[in-house]
PDB file of N, CA and C in Angstrom:
ATOM      1  N   MET A   1     -64.285  67.286  13.577  1.00  0.00           N
ATOM      2  CA  MET A   1     -63.534  68.626  14.345  1.00  0.00           C
ATOM      3  C   MET A   1     -64.746  68.231  15.639  1.00  0.00           C
ATOM      4  N   SER A   2     -64.035  69.262  16.586  1.00  0.00           N
ATOM      5  CA  SER A   2     -64.856  68.948  18.147  1.00  0.00           C
ATOM      6  C   SER A   2     -65.593  69.793  17.716  1.00  0.00           C
ATOM      7  N   ASN A   3     -67.061  69.988  19.141  1.00  0.00           N
ATOM      8  CA  ASN A   3     -67.948  71.086  19.238  1.00  0.00           C
ATOM      9  C   ASN A   3     -68.185  70.787  20.266  1.00  0.00           C
ATOM     10  N   CYS A   4     -68.261  72.010  21.201  1.00  0.00           N
ATOM     11  CA  CYS A   4     -67.903  72.443  22.480  1.00  0.00           C
ATOM     12  C   CYS A   4     -69.699  73.167  23.297  1.00  0.00           C
ATOM     13  N   CYS A   5     -70.122  73.127  23.785  1.00  0.00           N
ATOM     14  CA  CYS A   5     -71.977  73.769  24.528  1.00  0.00           C
ATOM     15  C   CYS A   5     -71.906  74.115  25.033  1.00  0.00           C
ATOM     16  N   CYS A   6     -73.696  74.339  25.971  1.00  0.00           N
ATOM     17  CA  CYS A   6     -73.229  75.297  27.096  1.00  0.00           C
ATOM     18  C   CYS A   6     -72.995  74.559  27.950  1.00  0.00           C
ATOM     19  N   GLU A   7     -72.642  73.437  28.459  1.00  0.00           N
ATOM     20  CA  GLU A   7     -72.838  72.389  29.025  1.00  0.00           C
ATOM     21  C   GLU A   7     -70.972  72.152  29.677  1.00  0.00           C
ATOM     22  N   LYS A   8     -69.732  72.865  28.828  1.00  0.00           N
ATOM     23  CA  LYS A   8     -68.966  72.756  28.356  1.00  0.00           C
ATOM     24  C   LYS A   8     -69.177  70.617  28.147  1.00  0.00           C
ATOM     25  N   LYS A   9     -69.213  70.737  26.961  1.00  0.00           N
ATOM     26  CA  LYS A   9     -68.937  69.644  27.068  1.00  0.00           C
ATOM     27  C   LYS A   9     -68.345  69.796  25.500  1.00  0.00           C
ATOM     28  N   THR A  10     -66.892  68.558  24.937  1.00  0.00           N
ATOM     29  CA  THR A  10     -66.719  69.155  23.577  1.00  0.00           C
ATOM     30  C   THR A  10     -67.192  67.940  23.071  1.00  0.00           C
ATOM     31  N   VAL A  11     -67.838  67.570  21.561  1.00  0.00           N
ATOM     32  CA  VAL A  11     -67.961  66.438  21.774  1.00  0.00           C
ATOM     33  C   VAL A  11     -67.006  65.816  20.611  1.00  0.00           C
ATOM     34  N   ARG A  12     -66.275  64.639  21.090  1.00  0.00           N
ATOM     35  CA  ARG A  12     -65.228  64.573  19.383  1.00  0.00           C
ATOM     36  C   ARG A  12     -65.696  63.495  18.660  1.00  0.00           C
ATOM     37  N   ASP A  13     -65.556  63.666  17.328  1.00  0.00           N
ATOM     38  CA  ASP A  13     -65.630  62.277  16.140  1.00  0.00           C
ATOM     39  C   ASP A  13     -65.167  61.048  16.339  1.00  0.00           C
ATOM     40  N   GLU A  14     -65.070  59.966  16.474  1.00  0.00           N
ATOM     41  CA  GLU A  14     -64.759  57.817  16.709  1.00  0.00           C
ATOM     42  C   GLU A  14     -63.327  58.659  16.001  1.00  0.00           C
ATOM     43  N   THR A  15     -63.071  58.920  14.726  1.00  0.00           N
ATOM     44  CA  THR A  15     -61.844  59.246  14.469  1.00  0.00           C
ATOM     45  C   THR A  15     -60.934  60.371  15.775  1.00  0.00           C
ATOM     46  N   LYS A  16     -61.171  60.908  16.043  1.00  0.00           N
ATOM     47  CA  LYS A  16     -60.437  62.060  17.143  1.00  0.00           C
ATOM     48  C   LYS A  16     -60.335  61.316  18.433  1.00  0.00           C
ATOM     49  N   LYS A  17     -61.351  60.911  18.879  1.00  0.00           N
ATOM     50  CA  LYS A  17     -61.368  59.644  19.893  1.00  0.00           C
ATOM     51  C   LYS A  17     -60.355  58.510  19.520  1.00  0.00           C
ATOM     52  N   LYS A  18     -60.911  58.416  18.635  1.00  0.00           N
ATOM     53  CA  LYS A  18     -59.499  56.460  18.480  1.00  0.00           C
ATOM     54  C   LYS A  18     -58.149  57.342  18.192  1.00  0.00           C
ATOM     55  N   SER A  19     -57.471  58.510  17.630  1.00  0.00           N
ATOM     56  CA  SER A  19     -56.484  58.953  17.527  1.00  0.00           C
ATOM     57  C   SER A  19     -55.980  59.535  19.402  1.00  0.00           C
ATOM     58  N   LEU A  20     -56.591  60.134  19.638  1.00  0.00           N
ATOM     59  CA  LEU A  20     -56.245  60.312  21.176  1.00  0.00           C
ATOM     60  C   LEU A  20     -56.220  58.779  22.059  1.00  0.00           C
ATOM     61  N   LYS A  21     -57.078  58.451  22.223  1.00  0.00           N
ATOM     62  CA  LYS A  21     -56.733  56.805  23.139  1.00  0.00           C
ATOM     63  C   LYS A  21     -55.590  56.117  22.582  1.00  0.00           C
ATOM     64  N   ASN A  22     -54.907  56.255  20.865  1.00  0.00           N
ATOM     65  CA  ASN A  22     -54.085  55.423  20.739  1.00  0.00           C
ATOM     66  C   ASN A  22     -52.569  56.426  21.336  1.00  0.00           C
ATOM     67  N   ARG A  23     -52.672  57.634  20.953  1.00  0.00           N
ATOM     68  CA  ARG A  23     -51.682  58.235  21.670  1.00  0.00           C
ATOM     69  C   ARG A  23     -51.607  58.167  23.747  1.00  0.00           C
ATOM     70  N   LEU A  24     -52.752  58.001  24.207  1.00  0.00           N
ATOM     71  CA  LEU A  24     -52.715  57.407  25.377  1.00  0.00           C
ATOM     72  C   LEU A  24     -52.287  56.037  25.155  1.00  0.00           C
ATOM     73  N   ASN A  25     -52.936  55.572  24.629  1.00  0.00           N
ATOM     74  CA  ASN A  25     -52.388  53.805  25.044  1.00  0.00           C
ATOM     75  C   ASN A  25     -50.325  53.724  24.764  1.00  0.00           C
ATOM     76  N   ARG A  26     -50.261  54.693  23.918  1.00  0.00           N
ATOM     77  CA  ARG A  26     -48.703  54.331  24.103  1.00  0.00           C
ATOM     78  C   ARG A  26     -47.804  54.530  25.613  1.00  0.00           C
ATOM     79  N   ILE A  27     -48.590  56.238  25.934  1.00  0.00           N
ATOM     80  CA  ILE A  27     -48.068  56.701  26.942  1.00  0.00           C
ATOM     81  C   ILE A  27     -48.457  55.814  28.286  1.00  0.00           C
ATOM     82  N   ASN A  28     -49.166  55.038  27.990  1.00  0.00           N
ATOM     83  CA  ASN A  28     -49.565  53.850  28.984  1.00  0.00           C
ATOM     84  C   ASN A  28     -48.526  52.974  29.137  1.00  0.00           C
ATOM     85  N   GLY A  29     -47.662  53.004  28.009  1.00  0.00           N
ATOM     86  CA  GLY A  29     -46.804  51.683  27.570  1.00  0.00           C
ATOM     87  C   GLY A  29     -45.567  52.538  28.439  1.00  0.00           C
ATOM     88  N   GLN A  30     -45.424  53.308  27.723  1.00  0.00           N
ATOM     89  CA  GLN A  30     -44.539  54.141  27.860  1.00  0.00           C
ATOM     90  C   GLN A  30     -44.131  54.070  29.857  1.00  0.00           C
ATOM     91  N   ILE A  31     -44.892  54.110  30.376  1.00  0.00           N
ATOM     92  CA  ILE A  31     -45.272  54.682  31.956  1.00  0.00           C
ATOM     93  C   ILE A  31     -44.437  52.456  33.059  1.00  0.00           C
ATOM     94  N   ASN A  32     -45.583  51.947  31.825  1.00  0.00           N
ATOM     95  CA  ASN A  32     -45.620  50.434  31.946  1.00  0.00           C
ATOM     96  C   ASN A  32     -43.961  49.984  32.175  1.00  0.00           C
ATOM     97  N   GLY A  33     -43.504  50.475  31.127  1.00  0.00           N
ATOM     98  CA  GLY A  33     -41.800  49.803  30.416  1.00  0.00           C
ATOM     99  C   GLY A  33     -41.063  50.732  31.341  1.00  0.00           C
ATOM    100  N   ILE A  34     -41.559  51.556  32.382  1.00  0.00           N
ATOM    101  CA  ILE A  34     -40.436  52.494  33.129  1.00  0.00           C
ATOM    102  C   ILE A  34     -40.860  51.751  34.817  1.00  0.00           C
ATOM    103  N   LYS A  35     -41.645  50.966  34.669  1.00  0.00           N
ATOM    104  CA  LYS A  35     -41.971  50.312  36.129  1.00  0.00           C
ATOM    105  C   LYS A  35     -40.917  49.114  36.055  1.00  0.00           C
ATOM    106  N   ASN A  36     -41.033  48.671  34.582  1.00  0.00           N
ATOM    107  CA  ASN A  36     -40.380  47.044  34.400  1.00  0.00           C
ATOM    108  C   ASN A  36     -38.958  48.152  34.662  1.00  0.00           C
ATOM    109  N   MET A  37     -38.482  48.869  34.151  1.00  0.00           N
ATOM    110  CA  MET A  37     -37.423  49.134  34.444  1.00  0.00           C
ATOM    111  C   MET A  37     -36.856  49.224  36.053  1.00  0.00           C
ATOM    112  N   ILE A  38     -37.144  49.878  36.603  1.00  0.00           N
ATOM    113  CA  ILE A  38     -37.425  49.985  37.944  1.00  0.00           C
ATOM    114  C   ILE A  38     -36.909  48.412  38.593  1.00  0.00           C
ATOM    115  N   ASP A  39     -38.164  47.546  38.215  1.00  0.00           N
ATOM    116  CA  ASP A  39     -38.239  45.876  38.654  1.00  0.00           C
ATOM    117  C   ASP A  39     -36.865  45.712  38.011  1.00  0.00           C
ATOM    118  N   ASP A  40     -36.284  45.787  37.264  1.00  0.00           N
ATOM    119  CA  ASP A  40     -34.911  45.469  36.789  1.00  0.00           C
ATOM    120  C   ASP A  40     -33.762  45.727  36.960  1.00  0.00           C
ATOM    121  N   ASP A  41     -34.021  46.844  38.467  1.00  0.00           N
ATOM    122  CA  ASP A  41     -33.124  47.381  38.467  1.00  0.00           C
ATOM    123  C   ASP A  41     -32.146  48.026  37.540  1.00  0.00           C
ATOM    124  N   ARG A  42     -32.879  48.547  36.650  1.00  0.00           N
ATOM    125  CA  ARG A  42     -31.765  49.517  35.122  1.00  0.00           C
ATOM    126  C   ARG A  42     -31.630  50.571  35.917  1.00  0.00           C
ATOM    127  N   TYR A  43     -30.580  51.094  34.842  1.00  0.00           N
ATOM    128  CA  TYR A  43     -29.348  52.528  35.416  1.00  0.00           C
ATOM    129  C   TYR A  43     -30.330  53.203  35.776  1.00  0.00           C
ATOM    130  N   CYS A  44     -30.404  54.237  36.448  1.00  0.00           N
ATOM    131  CA  CYS A  44     -30.723  55.853  36.838  1.00  0.00           C
ATOM    132  C   CYS A  44     -31.583  57.006  35.144  1.00  0.00           C
ATOM    133  N   GLN A  45     -29.854  56.446  35.180  1.00  0.00           N
ATOM    134  CA  GLN A  45     -29.657  57.403  33.450  1.00  0.00           C
ATOM    135  C   GLN A  45     -31.139  56.949  32.364  1.00  0.00           C
ATOM    136  N   ASP A  46     -31.223  55.496  32.207  1.00  0.00           N
ATOM    137  CA  ASP A  46     -31.908  55.580  31.388  1.00  0.00           C
ATOM    138  C   ASP A  46     -33.069  55.129  31.642  1.00  0.00           C
ATOM    139  N   ILE A  47     -33.750  55.085  32.815  1.00  0.00           N
ATOM    140  CA  ILE A  47     -34.769  55.356  33.067  1.00  0.00           C
ATOM    141  C   ILE A  47     -35.138  56.938  33.129  1.00  0.00           C
ATOM    142  N   LEU A  48     -34.150  57.877  33.439  1.00  0.00           N
ATOM    143  CA  LEU A  48     -34.582  59.490  33.697  1.00  0.00           C
ATOM    144  C   LEU A  48     -34.480  59.548  32.305  1.00  0.00           C
ATOM    145  N   ILE A  49     -33.929  58.854  30.850  1.00  0.00           N
ATOM    146  CA  ILE A  49     -34.842  59.240  29.174  1.00  0.00           C
ATOM    147  C   ILE A  49     -35.630  58.924  29.247  1.00  0.00           C
ATOM    148  N   GLN A  50     -36.155  57.914  29.684  1.00  0.00           N
ATOM    149  CA  GLN A  50     -37.498  56.666  29.608  1.00  0.00           C
ATOM    150  C   GLN A  50     -38.902  58.108  29.778  1.00  0.00           C
ATOM    151  N   LEU A  51     -38.223  58.678  31.546  1.00  0.00           N
ATOM    152  CA  LEU A  51     -39.165  59.793  31.811  1.00  0.00           C
ATOM    153  C   LEU A  51     -39.336  60.917  30.809  1.00  0.00           C
ATOM    154  N   LEU A  52     -37.867  61.031  30.446  1.00  0.00           N
ATOM    155  CA  LEU A  52     -38.383  62.508  29.769  1.00  0.00           C
ATOM    156  C   LEU A  52     -38.921  62.098  28.541  1.00  0.00           C
ATOM    157  N   ALA A  53     -38.849  61.640  27.405  1.00  0.00           N
ATOM    158  CA  ALA A  53     -39.708  60.992  26.984  1.00  0.00           C
ATOM    159  C   ALA A  53     -41.128  60.792  26.906  1.00  0.00           C
ATOM    160  N   THR A  54     -41.521  60.031  28.084  1.00  0.00           N
ATOM    161  CA  THR A  54     -42.875  60.311  28.123  1.00  0.00           C
ATOM    162  C   THR A  54     -43.751  61.336  28.714  1.00  0.00           C
ATOM    163  N   GLU A  55     -42.747  62.513  29.162  1.00  0.00           N
ATOM    164  CA  GLU A  55     -42.818  63.483  29.660  1.00  0.00           C
ATOM    165  C   GLU A  55     -43.810  64.227  28.070  1.00  0.00           C
ATOM    166  N   LYS A  56     -42.386  64.071  27.008  1.00  0.00           N
ATOM    167  CA  LYS A  56     -42.765  64.668  25.923  1.00  0.00           C
ATOM    168  C   LYS A  56     -43.737  64.637  24.646  1.00  0.00           C
ATOM    169  N   SER A  57     -44.487  62.618  25.158  1.00  0.00           N
ATOM    170  CA  SER A  57     -45.164  62.312  25.110  1.00  0.00           C
ATOM    171  C   SER A  57     -46.704  63.405  25.330  1.00  0.00           C
ATOM    172  N   ILE A  58     -46.741  63.252  26.576  1.00  0.00           N
ATOM    173  CA  ILE A  58     -47.895  64.079  27.650  1.00  0.00           C
ATOM    174  C   ILE A  58     -47.952  65.870  27.275  1.00  0.00           C
ATOM    175  N   LYS A  59     -46.967  66.198  26.633  1.00  0.00           N
ATOM    176  CA  LYS A  59     -47.098  67.985  26.067  1.00  0.00           C
ATOM    177  C   LYS A  59     -47.890  67.983  24.771  1.00  0.00           C
ATOM    178  N   SER A  60     -46.768  66.760  24.595  1.00  0.00           N
ATOM    179  CA  SER A  60     -47.618  66.936  22.641  1.00  0.00           C
ATOM    180  C   SER A  60     -48.843  66.497  22.599  1.00  0.00           C
ATOM    181  N   LEU A  61     -49.129  65.482  23.213  1.00  0.00           N
ATOM    182  CA  LEU A  61     -50.845  65.329  23.518  1.00  0.00           C
ATOM    183  C   LEU A  61     -51.768  66.480  23.941  1.00  0.00           C
ATOM    184  N   ALA A  62     -51.110  66.782  24.897  1.00  0.00           N
ATOM    185  CA  ALA A  62     -51.920  68.556  25.704  1.00  0.00           C
ATOM    186  C   ALA A  62     -51.428  69.015  24.511  1.00  0.00           C
ATOM    187  N   ASN A  63     -50.447  69.361  23.947  1.00  0.00           N
ATOM    188  CA  ASN A  63     -50.700  70.503  23.022  1.00  0.00           C
ATOM    189  C   ASN A  63     -51.349  70.786  21.742  1.00  0.00           C
ATOM    190  N   GLN A  64     -51.733  69.329  21.284  1.00  0.00           N
ATOM    191  CA  GLN A  64     -52.746  68.985  20.480  1.00  0.00           C
ATOM    192  C   GLN A  64     -54.164  69.147  21.032  1.00  0.00           C
ATOM    193  N   ILE A  65     -54.603  68.647  22.279  1.00  0.00           N
ATOM    194  CA  ILE A  65     -55.577  68.789  22.330  1.00  0.00           C
ATOM    195  C   ILE A  65     -55.744  70.611  22.692  1.00  0.00           C
ATOM    196  N   LEU A  66     -54.927  70.848  23.432  1.00  0.00           N
ATOM    197  CA  LEU A  66     -54.501  72.473  23.297  1.00  0.00           C
ATOM    198  C   LEU A  66     -54.906  73.488  21.704  1.00  0.00           C
ATOM    199  N   ASN A  67     -54.979  72.941  20.612  1.00  0.00           N
ATOM    200  CA  ASN A  67     -54.926  73.466  19.737  1.00  0.00           C
ATOM    201  C   ASN A  67     -55.668  73.066  18.736  1.00  0.00           C
ATOM    202  N   ASP A  68     -56.832  71.923  19.569  1.00  0.00           N
ATOM    203  CA  ASP A  68     -58.355  71.257  19.149  1.00  0.00           C
ATOM    204  C   ASP A  68     -59.156  72.747  19.752  1.00  0.00           C
ATOM    205  N   HIS A  69     -58.985  73.111  20.438  1.00  0.00           N
ATOM    206  CA  HIS A  69     -59.638  73.809  21.619  1.00  0.00           C
ATOM    207  C   HIS A  69     -59.758  74.706  21.306  1.00  0.00           C
ATOM    208  N   VAL A  70     -58.811  75.897  20.827  1.00  0.00           N
ATOM    209  CA  VAL A  70     -58.488  76.739  20.656  1.00  0.00           C
ATOM    210  C   VAL A  70     -59.077  77.519  19.157  1.00  0.00           C
ATOM    211  N   HIS A  71     -59.071  75.841  18.981  1.00  0.00           N
ATOM    212  CA  HIS A  71     -59.979  76.205  16.823  1.00  0.00           C
ATOM    213  C   HIS A  71     -60.908  76.524  16.813  1.00  0.00           C
ATOM    214  N   THR A  72     -61.533  75.483  18.024  1.00  0.00           N
ATOM    215  CA  THR A  72     -62.953  74.774  17.945  1.00  0.00           C
ATOM    216  C   THR A  72     -63.634  75.693  19.253  1.00  0.00           C
ATOM    217  N   CYS A  73     -63.711  75.265  20.320  1.00  0.00           N
ATOM    218  CA  CYS A  73     -64.226  75.591  21.447  1.00  0.00           C
ATOM    219  C   CYS A  73     -64.087  77.824  21.838  1.00  0.00           C
ATOM    220  N   ILE A  74     -62.798  77.663  21.692  1.00  0.00           N
ATOM    221  CA  ILE A  74     -62.630  78.693  22.148  1.00  0.00           C
ATOM    222  C   ILE A  74     -62.721  80.116  20.870  1.00  0.00           C
ATOM    223  N   ALA A  75     -62.417  79.500  19.839  1.00  0.00           N
ATOM    224  CA  ALA A  75     -63.270  80.430  18.320  1.00  0.00           C
ATOM    225  C   ALA A  75     -64.595  80.910  18.587  1.00  0.00           C
ATOM    226  N   ARG A  76     -65.388  79.459  18.915  1.00  0.00           N
ATOM    227  CA  ARG A  76     -66.496  79.682  18.604  1.00  0.00           C
ATOM    228  C   ARG A  76     -67.500  80.665  19.924  1.00  0.00           C
ATOM    229  N   GLY A  77     -66.324  80.559  21.180  1.00  0.00           N
ATOM    230  CA  GLY A  77     -66.995  81.527  22.334  1.00  0.00           C
ATOM    231  C   GLY A  77     -66.803  82.682  21.924  1.00  0.00           C
ATOM    232  N   ILE A  78     -65.105  82.842  20.952  1.00  0.00           N
ATOM    233  CA  ILE A  78     -65.559  84.542  20.367  1.00  0.00           C
ATOM    234  C   ILE A  78     -66.242  84.669  19.546  1.00  0.00           C
ATOM    235  N   LYS A  79     -66.536  84.366  18.901  1.00  0.00           N
ATOM    236  CA  LYS A  79     -67.943  84.642  17.960  1.00  0.00           C
ATOM    237  C   LYS A  79     -69.180  85.196  18.275  1.00  0.00           C
ATOM    238  N   ASP A  80     -69.432  83.995  19.234  1.00  0.00           N
ATOM    239  CA  ASP A  80     -70.636  84.415  20.099  1.00  0.00           C
ATOM    240  C   ASP A  80     -70.501  85.346  21.256  1.00  0.00           C
ATOM    241  N   GLY A  81     -69.756  86.033  21.464  1.00  0.00           N
ATOM    242  CA  GLY A  81     -69.497  86.832  22.382  1.00  0.00           C
ATOM    243  C   GLY A  81     -69.603  86.793  23.351  1.00  0.00           C
ATOM    244  N   ASP A  82     -69.050  85.636  23.603  1.00  0.00           N
ATOM    245  CA  ASP A  82     -68.470  85.169  25.426  1.00  0.00           C
ATOM    246  C   ASP A  82     -67.571  86.053  26.028  1.00  0.00           C
ATOM    247  N   GLU A  83     -67.708  86.765  26.616  1.00  0.00           N
ATOM    248  CA  GLU A  83     -66.537  87.327  27.309  1.00  0.00           C
ATOM    249  C   GLU A  83     -65.620  86.699  28.342  1.00  0.00           C
ATOM    250  N   SER A  84     -66.606  85.520  28.820  1.00  0.00           N
ATOM    251  CA  SER A  84     -65.895  84.542  29.610  1.00  0.00           C
ATOM    252  C   SER A  84     -64.759  84.072  29.549  1.00  0.00           C
ATOM    253  N   ILE A  85     -64.606  83.488  27.698  1.00  0.00           N
ATOM    254  CA  ILE A  85     -63.396  82.655  26.933  1.00  0.00           C
ATOM    255  C   ILE A  85     -62.305  83.192  26.702  1.00  0.00           C
ATOM    256  N   VAL A  86     -62.022  84.100  26.513  1.00  0.00           N
ATOM    257  CA  VAL A  86     -61.154  85.276  26.526  1.00  0.00           C
ATOM    258  C   VAL A  86     -60.301  85.231  28.312  1.00  0.00           C
ATOM    259  N   GLU A  87     -60.882  85.029  29.655  1.00  0.00           N
ATOM    260  CA  GLU A  87     -60.364  84.710  30.795  1.00  0.00           C
ATOM    261  C   GLU A  87     -60.126  82.970  30.761  1.00  0.00           C
ATOM    262  N   GLU A  88     -61.043  82.160  30.100  1.00  0.00           N
ATOM    263  CA  GLU A  88     -60.273  81.008  30.167  1.00  0.00           C
ATOM    264  C   GLU A  88     -59.571  80.599  29.216  1.00  0.00           C
ATOM    265  N   LEU A  89     -59.648  81.044  28.232  1.00  0.00           N
ATOM    266  CA  LEU A  89     -58.169  80.808  26.721  1.00  0.00           C
ATOM    267  C   LEU A  89     -56.481  81.857  28.031  1.00  0.00           C
ATOM    268  N   SER A  90     -56.731  82.884  28.492  1.00  0.00           N
ATOM    269  CA  SER A  90     -55.933  83.438  29.426  1.00  0.00           C
ATOM    270  C   SER A  90     -55.446  82.570  30.210  1.00  0.00           C
ATOM    271  N   ASN A  91     -56.429  81.657  31.661  1.00  0.00           N
ATOM    272  CA  ASN A  91     -56.269  80.683  32.886  1.00  0.00           C
ATOM    273  C   ASN A  91     -54.890  79.708  31.965  1.00  0.00           C
ATOM    274  N   LEU A  92     -55.342  78.897  30.361  1.00  0.00           N
ATOM    275  CA  LEU A  92     -54.988  78.085  29.721  1.00  0.00           C
ATOM    276  C   LEU A  92     -53.822  77.589  29.505  1.00  0.00           C
ATOM    277  N   PHE A  93     -52.780  79.239  28.837  1.00  0.00           N
ATOM    278  CA  PHE A  93     -51.758  79.638  28.504  1.00  0.00           C
ATOM    279  C   PHE A  93     -50.850  79.953  29.232  1.00  0.00           C
ATOM    280  N   LYS A  94     -51.844  79.978  30.912  1.00  0.00           N
ATOM    281  CA  LYS A  94     -50.593  80.132  32.222  1.00  0.00           C
ATOM    282  C   LYS A  94     -50.595  79.165  32.161  1.00  0.00           C
ATOM    283  N   MET A  95     -51.224  77.779  32.063  1.00  0.00           N
ATOM    284  CA  MET A  95     -50.819  76.588  32.374  1.00  0.00           C
ATOM    285  C   MET A  95     -49.282  75.487  31.697  1.00  0.00           C
ATOM    286  N   PHE A  96     -49.977  76.472  30.392  1.00  0.00           N
ATOM    287  CA  PHE A  96     -48.843  75.845  29.790  1.00  0.00           C
ATOM    288  C   PHE A  96     -47.820  76.424  28.961  1.00  0.00           C
TER     289      PHE A  96
END
């Protein structure tokens, strides 16, 4: 589980870090694949489909991190009476 502290740092266990980095590596692979498609003069629609898949992968990762944040850092801030945490949550919802 993630832990936040007063320095706005999230400590993740090694299992969580590995999972997040594996997802990022897959996204990086997708991006490199798209670069290769461009080099190979692949059909526009094929590239667009891969871009959409990459976008969905990034969105899924962002949602996972947001969910973790809400259930750890935000929940802890509310429990601790940190009034600024509500504004932080509101700003996050505006971004997503």
